[in-house]
Amino acid sequence: MFEIIQAVFTAGAALALLVFAGITLGGSAVALAVSTPLFVIFSPILVPATIATTLLATGFTASGSLGAMAMTIFMWLYKRYTGKDPPKIPGLTPSNPAAAGKKDY
């Protein structure tokens, strides 16, 4: 039962991240299309143009990051529920369950 609840919440989080990625990408693309002619018309005002360009680049980066994170979660869910082992995180996932309680000093 816990695994089903875990899968539902994880899939919901991944879908939310994917939606945020799409909204951010769409908003950044529209803002870039609208602001490009303004940059040409108001070219002497370089500081606001630089700030706007930085914000747009940040939007595109955030969109890509959120989308990659959502796709990683979906891939992990697929691997977990098709019987394959999820990827191991070195240092966090013990390779030997018996050694999980031992500390190596």
PDB file of N, CA and C in Angstrom:
ATOM      1  N   MET A   1       0.818  -1.197   0.000  1.00  0.00           N
ATOM      2  CA  MET A   1       0.000   0.000   0.000  1.00  0.00           C
ATOM      3  C   MET A   1       0.860   1.258   0.000  1.00  0.00           C
ATOM      4  N   PHE A   2       1.953   1.214   0.808  1.00  0.00           N
ATOM      5  CA  PHE A   2       2.834   2.379   0.883  1.00  0.00           C
ATOM      6  C   PHE A   2       3.482   2.676  -0.466  1.00  0.00           C
ATOM      7  N   GLU A   3       3.839   1.611  -1.195  1.00  0.00           N
ATOM      8  CA  GLU A   3       4.477   1.816  -2.499  1.00  0.00           C
ATOM      9  C   GLU A   3       3.529   2.467  -3.494  1.00  0.00           C
ATOM     10  N   ILE A   4       2.249   2.139  -3.402  1.00  0.00           N
ATOM     11  CA  ILE A   4       1.270   2.763  -4.304  1.00  0.00           C
ATOM     12  C   ILE A   4       1.147   4.248  -3.984  1.00  0.00           C
ATOM     13  N   ILE A   5       1.063   4.577  -2.702  1.00  0.00           N
ATOM     14  CA  ILE A   5       0.975   5.987  -2.301  1.00  0.00           C
ATOM     15  C   ILE A   5       2.252   6.721  -2.712  1.00  0.00           C
ATOM     16  N   GLN A   6       3.387   6.060  -2.524  1.00  0.00           N
ATOM     17  CA  GLN A   6       4.664   6.661  -2.907  1.00  0.00           C
ATOM     18  C   GLN A   6       4.706   6.916  -4.413  1.00  0.00           C
ATOM     19  N   ALA A   7       4.236   5.966  -5.200  1.00  0.00           N
ATOM     20  CA  ALA A   7       4.234   6.128  -6.651  1.00  0.00           C
ATOM     21  C   ALA A   7       3.302   7.258  -7.077  1.00  0.00           C
ATOM     22  N   VAL A   8       2.145   7.362  -6.434  1.00  0.00           N
ATOM     23  CA  VAL A   8       1.185   8.421  -6.788  1.00  0.00           C
ATOM     24  C   VAL A   8       1.774   9.795  -6.490  1.00  0.00           C
ATOM     25  N   PHE A   9       2.355   9.954  -5.302  1.00  0.00           N
ATOM     26  CA  PHE A   9       2.939  11.246  -4.947  1.00  0.00           C
ATOM     27  C   PHE A   9       4.148  11.580  -5.817  1.00  0.00           C
ATOM     28  N   THR A  10       4.965  10.579  -6.121  1.00  0.00           N
ATOM     29  CA  THR A  10       6.135  10.805  -6.957  1.00  0.00           C
ATOM     30  C   THR A  10       5.720  11.176  -8.376  1.00  0.00           C
ATOM     31  N   ALA A  11       4.731  10.469  -8.907  1.00  0.00           N
ATOM     32  CA  ALA A  11       4.253  10.795 -10.252  1.00  0.00           C
ATOM     33  C   ALA A  11       3.618  12.180 -10.266  1.00  0.00           C
ATOM     34  N   GLY A  12       2.900  12.528  -9.211  1.00  0.00           N
ATOM     35  CA  GLY A  12       2.319  13.871  -9.130  1.00  0.00           C
ATOM     36  C   GLY A  12       3.383  14.950  -9.090  1.00  0.00           C
ATOM     37  N   ALA A  13       4.443  14.709  -8.322  1.00  0.00           N
ATOM     38  CA  ALA A  13       5.539  15.682  -8.267  1.00  0.00           C
ATOM     39  C   ALA A  13       6.216  15.815  -9.627  1.00  0.00           C
ATOM     40  N   ALA A  14       6.423  14.680 -10.306  1.00  0.00           N
ATOM     41  CA  ALA A  14       7.054  14.722 -11.619  1.00  0.00           C
ATOM     42  C   ALA A  14       6.172  15.458 -12.621  1.00  0.00           C
ATOM     43  N   LEU A  15       4.865  15.211 -12.571  1.00  0.00           N
ATOM     44  CA  LEU A  15       3.961  15.922 -13.478  1.00  0.00           C
ATOM     45  C   LEU A  15       3.945  17.414 -13.181  1.00  0.00           C
ATOM     46  N   ALA A  16       3.955  17.782 -11.908  1.00  0.00           N
ATOM     47  CA  ALA A  16       3.983  19.201 -11.549  1.00  0.00           C
ATOM     48  C   ALA A  16       5.257  19.861 -12.071  1.00  0.00           C
ATOM     49  N   LEU A  17       6.399  19.181 -11.925  1.00  0.00           N
ATOM     50  CA  LEU A  17       7.650  19.729 -12.437  1.00  0.00           C
ATOM     51  C   LEU A  17       7.623  19.861 -13.952  1.00  0.00           C
ATOM     52  N   LEU A  18       7.023  18.876 -14.623  1.00  0.00           N
ATOM     53  CA  LEU A  18       6.930  18.931 -16.077  1.00  0.00           C
ATOM     54  C   LEU A  18       6.027  20.081 -16.517  1.00  0.00           C
ATOM     55  N   VAL A  19       4.927  20.306 -15.794  1.00  0.00           N
ATOM     56  CA  VAL A  19       4.035  21.435 -16.107  1.00  0.00           C
ATOM     57  C   VAL A  19       4.769  22.751 -15.880  1.00  0.00           C
ATOM     58  N   PHE A  20       5.494  22.867 -14.745  1.00  0.00           N
ATOM     59  CA  PHE A  20       6.256  24.085 -14.483  1.00  0.00           C
ATOM     60  C   PHE A  20       7.307  24.319 -15.559  1.00  0.00           C
ATOM     61  N   ALA A  21       7.940  23.248 -16.026  1.00  0.00           N
ATOM     62  CA  ALA A  21       8.935  23.377 -17.087  1.00  0.00           C
ATOM     63  C   ALA A  21       8.292  23.904 -18.363  1.00  0.00           C
ATOM     64  N   GLY A  22       7.126  23.374 -18.705  1.00  0.00           N
ATOM     65  CA  GLY A  22       6.433  23.841 -19.907  1.00  0.00           C
ATOM     66  C   GLY A  22       5.984  25.285 -19.792  1.00  0.00           C
ATOM     67  N   ILE A  23       5.440  25.658 -18.636  1.00  0.00           N
ATOM     68  CA  ILE A  23       4.999  27.043 -18.433  1.00  0.00           C
ATOM     69  C   ILE A  23       6.190  27.994 -18.494  1.00  0.00           C
ATOM     70  N   THR A  24       7.295  27.615 -17.858  1.00  0.00           N
ATOM     71  CA  THR A  24       8.479  28.465 -17.866  1.00  0.00           C
ATOM     72  C   THR A  24       9.051  28.600 -19.270  1.00  0.00           C
ATOM     73  N   LEU A  25       9.099  27.496 -20.005  1.00  0.00           N
ATOM     74  CA  LEU A  25       9.613  27.545 -21.369  1.00  0.00           C
ATOM     75  C   LEU A  25       8.715  28.405 -22.251  1.00  0.00           C
ATOM     76  N   GLY A  26       7.414  28.212 -22.147  1.00  0.00           N
ATOM     77  CA  GLY A  26       6.492  29.021 -22.947  1.00  0.00           C
ATOM     78  C   GLY A  26       6.571  30.497 -22.613  1.00  0.00           C
ATOM     79  N   GLY A  27       6.603  30.813 -21.311  1.00  0.00           N
ATOM     80  CA  GLY A  27       6.700  32.213 -20.904  1.00  0.00           C
ATOM     81  C   GLY A  27       8.000  32.846 -21.342  1.00  0.00           C
ATOM     82  N   SER A  28       9.098  32.102 -21.259  1.00  0.00           N
ATOM     83  CA  SER A  28      10.392  32.639 -21.688  1.00  0.00           C
ATOM     84  C   SER A  28      10.426  32.863 -23.197  1.00  0.00           C
ATOM     85  N   ALA A  29       9.839  31.939 -23.951  1.00  0.00           N
ATOM     86  CA  ALA A  29       9.812  32.104 -25.410  1.00  0.00           C
ATOM     87  C   ALA A  29       8.970  33.307 -25.819  1.00  0.00           C
ATOM     88  N   VAL A  30       7.805  33.479 -25.187  1.00  0.00           N
ATOM     89  CA  VAL A  30       6.954  34.638 -25.504  1.00  0.00           C
ATOM     90  C   VAL A  30       7.660  35.928 -25.107  1.00  0.00           C
ATOM     91  N   ALA A  31       8.269  35.948 -23.930  1.00  0.00           N
ATOM     92  CA  ALA A  31       8.974  37.145 -23.486  1.00  0.00           C
ATOM     93  C   ALA A  31      10.140  37.484 -24.409  1.00  0.00           C
ATOM     94  N   LEU A  32      10.840  36.477 -24.891  1.00  0.00           N
ATOM     95  CA  LEU A  32      11.937  36.722 -25.824  1.00  0.00           C
ATOM     96  C   LEU A  32      11.420  37.267 -27.150  1.00  0.00           C
ATOM     97  N   ALA A  33      10.313  36.712 -27.652  1.00  0.00           N
ATOM     98  CA  ALA A  33       9.747  37.192 -28.915  1.00  0.00           C
ATOM     99  C   ALA A  33       9.244  38.627 -28.794  1.00  0.00           C
ATOM    100  N   VAL A  34       8.674  38.963 -27.657  1.00  0.00           N
ATOM    101  CA  VAL A  34       8.158  40.316 -27.457  1.00  0.00           C
ATOM    102  C   VAL A  34       9.292  41.312 -27.217  1.00  0.00           C
ATOM    103  N   SER A  35      10.300  40.888 -26.489  1.00  0.00           N
ATOM    104  CA  SER A  35      11.350  41.831 -26.101  1.00  0.00           C
ATOM    105  C   SER A  35      12.404  42.063 -27.182  1.00  0.00           C
ATOM    106  N   THR A  36      12.540  41.177 -28.152  1.00  0.00           N
ATOM    107  CA  THR A  36      13.563  41.355 -29.184  1.00  0.00           C
ATOM    108  C   THR A  36      13.375  42.641 -29.976  1.00  0.00           C
ATOM    109  N   PRO A  37      12.177  42.965 -30.485  1.00  0.00           N
ATOM    110  CA  PRO A  37      12.024  44.255 -31.178  1.00  0.00           C
ATOM    111  C   PRO A  37      12.256  45.456 -30.251  1.00  0.00           C
ATOM    112  N   LEU A  38      11.884  45.293 -28.987  1.00  0.00           N
ATOM    113  CA  LEU A  38      12.122  46.381 -28.041  1.00  0.00           C
ATOM    114  C   LEU A  38      13.614  46.616 -27.836  1.00  0.00           C
ATOM    115  N   PHE A  39      14.406  45.551 -27.855  1.00  0.00           N
ATOM    116  CA  PHE A  39      15.853  45.706 -27.730  1.00  0.00           C
ATOM    117  C   PHE A  39      16.412  46.492 -28.907  1.00  0.00           C
ATOM    118  N   VAL A  40      15.882  46.261 -30.101  1.00  0.00           N
ATOM    119  CA  VAL A  40      16.369  46.975 -31.292  1.00  0.00           C
ATOM    120  C   VAL A  40      15.959  48.447 -31.228  1.00  0.00           C
ATOM    121  N   ILE A  41      14.713  48.714 -30.839  1.00  0.00           N
ATOM    122  CA  ILE A  41      14.221  50.087 -30.789  1.00  0.00           C
ATOM    123  C   ILE A  41      14.920  50.887 -29.691  1.00  0.00           C
ATOM    124  N   PHE A  42      15.058  50.286 -28.526  1.00  0.00           N
ATOM    125  CA  PHE A  42      15.630  50.981 -27.370  1.00  0.00           C
ATOM    126  C   PHE A  42      17.060  50.525 -27.093  1.00  0.00           C
ATOM    127  N   SER A  43      17.861  50.367 -28.119  1.00  0.00           N
ATOM    128  CA  SER A  43      19.217  49.857 -27.948  1.00  0.00           C
ATOM    129  C   SER A  43      20.117  50.725 -27.068  1.00  0.00           C
ATOM    130  N   PRO A  44      19.910  52.043 -26.954  1.00  0.00           N
ATOM    131  CA  PRO A  44      20.786  52.811 -26.063  1.00  0.00           C
ATOM    132  C   PRO A  44      20.631  52.446 -24.581  1.00  0.00           C
ATOM    133  N   ILE A  45      19.548  51.810 -24.235  1.00  0.00           N
ATOM    134  CA  ILE A  45      19.316  51.450 -22.837  1.00  0.00           C
ATOM    135  C   ILE A  45      19.815  50.020 -22.643  1.00  0.00           C
ATOM    136  N   LEU A  46      21.100  49.879 -22.433  1.00  0.00           N
ATOM    137  CA  LEU A  46      21.697  48.542 -22.406  1.00  0.00           C
ATOM    138  C   LEU A  46      21.558  47.838 -21.063  1.00  0.00           C
ATOM    139  N   VAL A  47      21.529  48.579 -19.976  1.00  0.00           N
ATOM    140  CA  VAL A  47      21.457  47.927 -18.665  1.00  0.00           C
ATOM    141  C   VAL A  47      20.137  47.177 -18.480  1.00  0.00           C
ATOM    142  N   PRO A  48      18.974  47.788 -18.752  1.00  0.00           N
ATOM    143  CA  PRO A  48      17.737  47.002 -18.640  1.00  0.00           C
ATOM    144  C   PRO A  48      17.682  45.833 -19.629  1.00  0.00           C
ATOM    145  N   ALA A  49      18.249  46.033 -20.810  1.00  0.00           N
ATOM    146  CA  ALA A  49      18.282  44.944 -21.780  1.00  0.00           C
ATOM    147  C   ALA A  49      19.122  43.786 -21.263  1.00  0.00           C
ATOM    148  N   THR A  50      20.236  44.104 -20.622  1.00  0.00           N
ATOM    149  CA  THR A  50      21.089  43.057 -20.056  1.00  0.00           C
ATOM    150  C   THR A  50      20.372  42.330 -18.928  1.00  0.00           C
ATOM    151  N   ILE A  51      19.670  43.081 -18.094  1.00  0.00           N
ATOM    152  CA  ILE A  51      18.921  42.464 -16.997  1.00  0.00           C
ATOM    153  C   ILE A  51      17.824  41.550 -17.551  1.00  0.00           C
ATOM    154  N   ALA A  52      17.106  42.024 -18.555  1.00  0.00           N
ATOM    155  CA  ALA A  52      16.034  41.216 -19.140  1.00  0.00           C
ATOM    156  C   ALA A  52      16.584  39.956 -19.805  1.00  0.00           C
ATOM    157  N   THR A  53      17.703  40.096 -20.499  1.00  0.00           N
ATOM    158  CA  THR A  53      18.314  38.934 -21.147  1.00  0.00           C
ATOM    159  C   THR A  53      18.774  37.909 -20.101  1.00  0.00           C
ATOM    160  N   THR A  54      19.312  38.402 -19.009  1.00  0.00           N
ATOM    161  CA  THR A  54      19.729  37.495 -17.934  1.00  0.00           C
ATOM    162  C   THR A  54      18.534  36.754 -17.360  1.00  0.00           C
ATOM    163  N   LEU A  55      17.426  37.472 -17.161  1.00  0.00           N
ATOM    164  CA  LEU A  55      16.221  36.826 -16.646  1.00  0.00           C
ATOM    165  C   LEU A  55      15.672  35.796 -17.632  1.00  0.00           C
ATOM    166  N   LEU A  56      15.722  36.116 -18.920  1.00  0.00           N
ATOM    167  CA  LEU A  56      15.248  35.158 -19.925  1.00  0.00           C
ATOM    168  C   LEU A  56      16.132  33.910 -19.954  1.00  0.00           C
ATOM    169  N   ALA A  57      17.442  34.108 -19.886  1.00  0.00           N
ATOM    170  CA  ALA A  57      18.345  32.958 -19.875  1.00  0.00           C
ATOM    171  C   ALA A  57      18.115  32.114 -18.626  1.00  0.00           C
ATOM    172  N   THR A  58      17.860  32.771 -17.501  1.00  0.00           N
ATOM    173  CA  THR A  58      17.552  32.038 -16.277  1.00  0.00           C
ATOM    174  C   THR A  58      16.270  31.239 -16.434  1.00  0.00           C
ATOM    175  N   GLY A  59      15.275  31.818 -17.114  1.00  0.00           N
ATOM    176  CA  GLY A  59      14.017  31.106 -17.359  1.00  0.00           C
ATOM    177  C   GLY A  59      14.214  29.862 -18.204  1.00  0.00           C
ATOM    178  N   PHE A  60      15.004  29.997 -19.273  1.00  0.00           N
ATOM    179  CA  PHE A  60      15.272  28.834 -20.115  1.00  0.00           C
ATOM    180  C   PHE A  60      16.046  27.758 -19.348  1.00  0.00           C
ATOM    181  N   THR A  61      16.994  28.170 -18.527  1.00  0.00           N
ATOM    182  CA  THR A  61      17.758  27.215 -17.732  1.00  0.00           C
ATOM    183  C   THR A  61      16.868  26.510 -16.717  1.00  0.00           C
ATOM    184  N   ALA A  62      16.000  27.273 -16.055  1.00  0.00           N
ATOM    185  CA  ALA A  62      15.082  26.673 -15.090  1.00  0.00           C
ATOM    186  C   ALA A  62      14.137  25.693 -15.775  1.00  0.00           C
ATOM    187  N   SER A  63      13.664  26.057 -16.957  1.00  0.00           N
ATOM    188  CA  SER A  63      12.775  25.175 -17.701  1.00  0.00           C
ATOM    189  C   SER A  63      13.460  23.850 -18.027  1.00  0.00           C
ATOM    190  N   GLY A  64      14.677  23.935 -18.523  1.00  0.00           N
ATOM    191  CA  GLY A  64      15.413  22.707 -18.842  1.00  0.00           C
ATOM    192  C   GLY A  64      15.695  21.864 -17.617  1.00  0.00           C
ATOM    193  N   SER A  65      16.038  22.514 -16.519  1.00  0.00           N
ATOM    194  CA  SER A  65      16.332  21.785 -15.286  1.00  0.00           C
ATOM    195  C   SER A  65      15.096  21.081 -14.742  1.00  0.00           C
ATOM    196  N   LEU A  66      13.972  21.790 -14.717  1.00  0.00           N
ATOM    197  CA  LEU A  66      12.737  21.181 -14.220  1.00  0.00           C
ATOM    198  C   LEU A  66      12.294  20.018 -15.111  1.00  0.00           C
ATOM    199  N   GLY A  67      12.412  20.192 -16.424  1.00  0.00           N
ATOM    200  CA  GLY A  67      12.053  19.114 -17.341  1.00  0.00           C
ATOM    201  C   GLY A  67      12.949  17.900 -17.182  1.00  0.00           C
ATOM    202  N   ALA A  68      14.250  18.128 -17.030  1.00  0.00           N
ATOM    203  CA  ALA A  68      15.181  17.019 -16.833  1.00  0.00           C
ATOM    204  C   ALA A  68      14.901  16.297 -15.517  1.00  0.00           C
ATOM    205  N   MET A  69      14.570  17.065 -14.491  1.00  0.00           N
ATOM    206  CA  MET A  69      14.265  16.452 -13.198  1.00  0.00           C
ATOM    207  C   MET A  69      13.004  15.602 -13.293  1.00  0.00           C
ATOM    208  N   ALA A  70      11.985  16.110 -13.964  1.00  0.00           N
ATOM    209  CA  ALA A  70      10.741  15.349 -14.110  1.00  0.00           C
ATOM    210  C   ALA A  70      10.982  14.063 -14.906  1.00  0.00           C
ATOM    211  N   MET A  71      11.756  14.148 -15.984  1.00  0.00           N
ATOM    212  CA  MET A  71      12.024  12.961 -16.782  1.00  0.00           C
ATOM    213  C   MET A  71      12.858  11.940 -15.999  1.00  0.00           C
ATOM    214  N   THR A  72      13.757  12.414 -15.149  1.00  0.00           N
ATOM    215  CA  THR A  72      14.539  11.509 -14.312  1.00  0.00           C
ATOM    216  C   THR A  72      13.636  10.772 -13.336  1.00  0.00           C
ATOM    217  N   ILE A  73      12.675  11.481 -12.763  1.00  0.00           N
ATOM    218  CA  ILE A  73      11.736  10.843 -11.838  1.00  0.00           C
ATOM    219  C   ILE A  73      10.893   9.802 -12.568  1.00  0.00           C
ATOM    220  N   PHE A  74      10.425  10.135 -13.775  1.00  0.00           N
ATOM    221  CA  PHE A  74       9.639   9.174 -14.540  1.00  0.00           C
ATOM    222  C   PHE A  74      10.466   7.939 -14.889  1.00  0.00           C
ATOM    223  N   MET A  75      11.736   8.125 -15.263  1.00  0.00           N
ATOM    224  CA  MET A  75      12.589   6.984 -15.582  1.00  0.00           C
ATOM    225  C   MET A  75      12.810   6.124 -14.345  1.00  0.00           C
ATOM    226  N   TRP A  76      13.006   6.758 -13.172  1.00  0.00           N
ATOM    227  CA  TRP A  76      13.191   6.009 -11.936  1.00  0.00           C
ATOM    228  C   TRP A  76      11.934   5.202 -11.602  1.00  0.00           C
ATOM    229  N   LEU A  77      10.759   5.841 -11.761  1.00  0.00           N
ATOM    230  CA  LEU A  77       9.507   5.126 -11.502  1.00  0.00           C
ATOM    231  C   LEU A  77       9.356   3.928 -12.438  1.00  0.00           C
ATOM    232  N   TYR A  78       9.651   4.106 -13.705  1.00  0.00           N
ATOM    233  CA  TYR A  78       9.547   3.016 -14.670  1.00  0.00           C
ATOM    234  C   TYR A  78      10.463   1.861 -14.277  1.00  0.00           C
ATOM    235  N   LYS A  79      11.710   2.194 -13.943  1.00  0.00           N
ATOM    236  CA  LYS A  79      12.657   1.140 -13.561  1.00  0.00           C
ATOM    237  C   LYS A  79      12.218   0.446 -12.281  1.00  0.00           C
ATOM    238  N   ARG A  80      11.669   1.210 -11.341  1.00  0.00           N
ATOM    239  CA  ARG A  80      11.282   0.626 -10.048  1.00  0.00           C
ATOM    240  C   ARG A  80      10.086  -0.309 -10.205  1.00  0.00           C
ATOM    241  N   TYR A  81       9.099   0.073 -10.982  1.00  0.00           N
ATOM    242  CA  TYR A  81       7.873  -0.710 -11.069  1.00  0.00           C
ATOM    243  C   TYR A  81       7.842  -1.700 -12.217  1.00  0.00           C
ATOM    244  N   THR A  82       8.933  -1.785 -12.992  1.00  0.00           N
ATOM    245  CA  THR A  82       9.042  -2.865 -13.966  1.00  0.00           C
ATOM    246  C   THR A  82       9.945  -3.975 -13.457  1.00  0.00           C
ATOM    247  N   GLY A  83      10.395  -3.840 -12.204  1.00  0.00           N
ATOM    248  CA  GLY A  83      11.200  -4.890 -11.612  1.00  0.00           C
ATOM    249  C   GLY A  83      12.688  -4.656 -11.693  1.00  0.00           C
ATOM    250  N   LYS A  84      13.104  -3.615 -12.355  1.00  0.00           N
ATOM    251  CA  LYS A  84      14.529  -3.317 -12.425  1.00  0.00           C
ATOM    252  C   LYS A  84      14.925  -2.543 -11.183  1.00  0.00           C
ATOM    253  N   ASP A  85      16.191  -2.635 -10.811  1.00  0.00           N
ATOM    254  CA  ASP A  85      16.673  -1.899  -9.645  1.00  0.00           C
ATOM    255  C   ASP A  85      16.794  -0.423  -9.984  1.00  0.00           C
ATOM    256  N   PRO A  86      16.373   0.444  -9.060  1.00  0.00           N
ATOM    257  CA  PRO A  86      16.620   1.873  -9.281  1.00  0.00           C
ATOM    258  C   PRO A  86      18.115   2.150  -9.196  1.00  0.00           C
ATOM    259  N   PRO A  87      18.545   3.240  -9.777  1.00  0.00           N
ATOM    260  CA  PRO A  87      19.984   3.517  -9.741  1.00  0.00           C
ATOM    261  C   PRO A  87      20.484   3.695  -8.311  1.00  0.00           C
ATOM    262  N   LYS A  88      21.665   3.177  -8.048  1.00  0.00           N
ATOM    263  CA  LYS A  88      22.276   3.286  -6.723  1.00  0.00           C
ATOM    264  C   LYS A  88      23.024   4.611  -6.627  1.00  0.00           C
ATOM    265  N   ILE A  89      22.940   5.229  -5.467  1.00  0.00           N
ATOM    266  CA  ILE A  89      23.649   6.473  -5.220  1.00  0.00           C
ATOM    267  C   ILE A  89      24.877   6.136  -4.383  1.00  0.00           C
ATOM    268  N   PRO A  90      26.084   6.324  -4.916  1.00  0.00           N
ATOM    269  CA  PRO A  90      27.285   5.962  -4.157  1.00  0.00           C
ATOM    270  C   PRO A  90      27.352   6.750  -2.845  1.00  0.00           C
ATOM    271  N   GLY A  91      27.634   6.032  -1.777  1.00  0.00           N
ATOM    272  CA  GLY A  91      27.743   6.667  -0.475  1.00  0.00           C
ATOM    273  C   GLY A  91      26.442   6.709   0.289  1.00  0.00           C
ATOM    274  N   LEU A  92      25.303   6.628  -0.401  1.00  0.00           N
ATOM    275  CA  LEU A  92      24.009   6.660   0.261  1.00  0.00           C
ATOM    276  C   LEU A  92      23.328   5.302   0.272  1.00  0.00           C
ATOM    277  N   THR A  93      23.612   4.483  -0.731  1.00  0.00           N
ATOM    278  CA  THR A  93      23.007   3.168  -0.829  1.00  0.00           C
ATOM    279  C   THR A  93      24.066   2.116  -0.519  1.00  0.00           C
ATOM    280  N   PRO A  94      23.908   1.381   0.587  1.00  0.00           N
ATOM    281  CA  PRO A  94      24.912   0.357   0.906  1.00  0.00           C
ATOM    282  C   PRO A  94      24.849  -0.785  -0.098  1.00  0.00           C
ATOM    283  N   SER A  95      26.010  -1.270  -0.518  1.00  0.00           N
ATOM    284  CA  SER A  95      26.043  -2.378  -1.469  1.00  0.00           C
ATOM    285  C   SER A  95      25.752  -3.701  -0.777  1.00  0.00           C
ATOM    286  N   ASN A  96      26.048  -3.790   0.526  1.00  0.00           N
ATOM    287  CA  ASN A  96      25.827  -5.000   1.292  1.00  0.00           C
ATOM    288  C   ASN A  96      24.873  -4.663   2.439  1.00  0.00           C
ATOM    289  N   PRO A  97      23.651  -5.234   2.451  1.00  0.00           N
ATOM    290  CA  PRO A  97      22.710  -4.902   3.522  1.00  0.00           C
ATOM    291  C   PRO A  97      23.242  -5.208   4.914  1.00  0.00           C
ATOM    292  N   ALA A  98      24.117  -6.224   5.039  1.00  0.00           N
ATOM    293  CA  ALA A  98      24.673  -6.561   6.344  1.00  0.00           C
ATOM    294  C   ALA A  98      25.642  -5.482   6.812  1.00  0.00           C
ATOM    295  N   ALA A  99      26.260  -4.796   5.877  1.00  0.00           N
ATOM    296  CA  ALA A  99      27.233  -3.758   6.229  1.00  0.00           C
ATOM    297  C   ALA A  99      26.567  -2.403   6.428  1.00  0.00           C
ATOM    298  N   ALA A 100      25.245  -2.343   6.293  1.00  0.00           N
ATOM    299  CA  ALA A 100      24.554  -1.068   6.399  1.00  0.00           C
ATOM    300  C   ALA A 100      24.682  -0.461   7.793  1.00  0.00           C
ATOM    301  N   GLY A 101      24.774  -1.295   8.814  1.00  0.00           N
ATOM    302  CA  GLY A 101      24.862  -0.785  10.168  1.00  0.00           C
ATOM    303  C   GLY A 101      26.300  -0.528  10.624  1.00  0.00           C
ATOM    304  N   LYS A 102      27.272  -0.999   9.861  1.00  0.00           N
ATOM    305  CA  LYS A 102      28.670  -0.851  10.242  1.00  0.00           C
ATOM    306  C   LYS A 102      29.200   0.488   9.727  1.00  0.00           C
ATOM    307  N   LYS A 103      30.065   1.077  10.535  1.00  0.00           N
ATOM    308  CA  LYS A 103      30.735   2.303  10.108  1.00  0.00           C
ATOM    309  C   LYS A 103      32.204   1.982   9.906  1.00  0.00           C
ATOM    310  N   ASP A 104      32.726   2.432   8.778  1.00  0.00           N
ATOM    311  CA  ASP A 104      34.106   2.180   8.446  1.00  0.00           C
ATOM    312  C   ASP A 104      34.935   3.415   8.759  1.00  0.00           C
ATOM    313  N   TYR A 105      35.671   3.372   9.871  1.00  0.00           N
ATOM    314  CA  TYR A 105      36.474   4.526  10.278  1.00  0.00           C
ATOM    315  C   TYR A 105      37.910   4.356   9.850  1.00  0.00           C
TER     316      TYR A 105
END
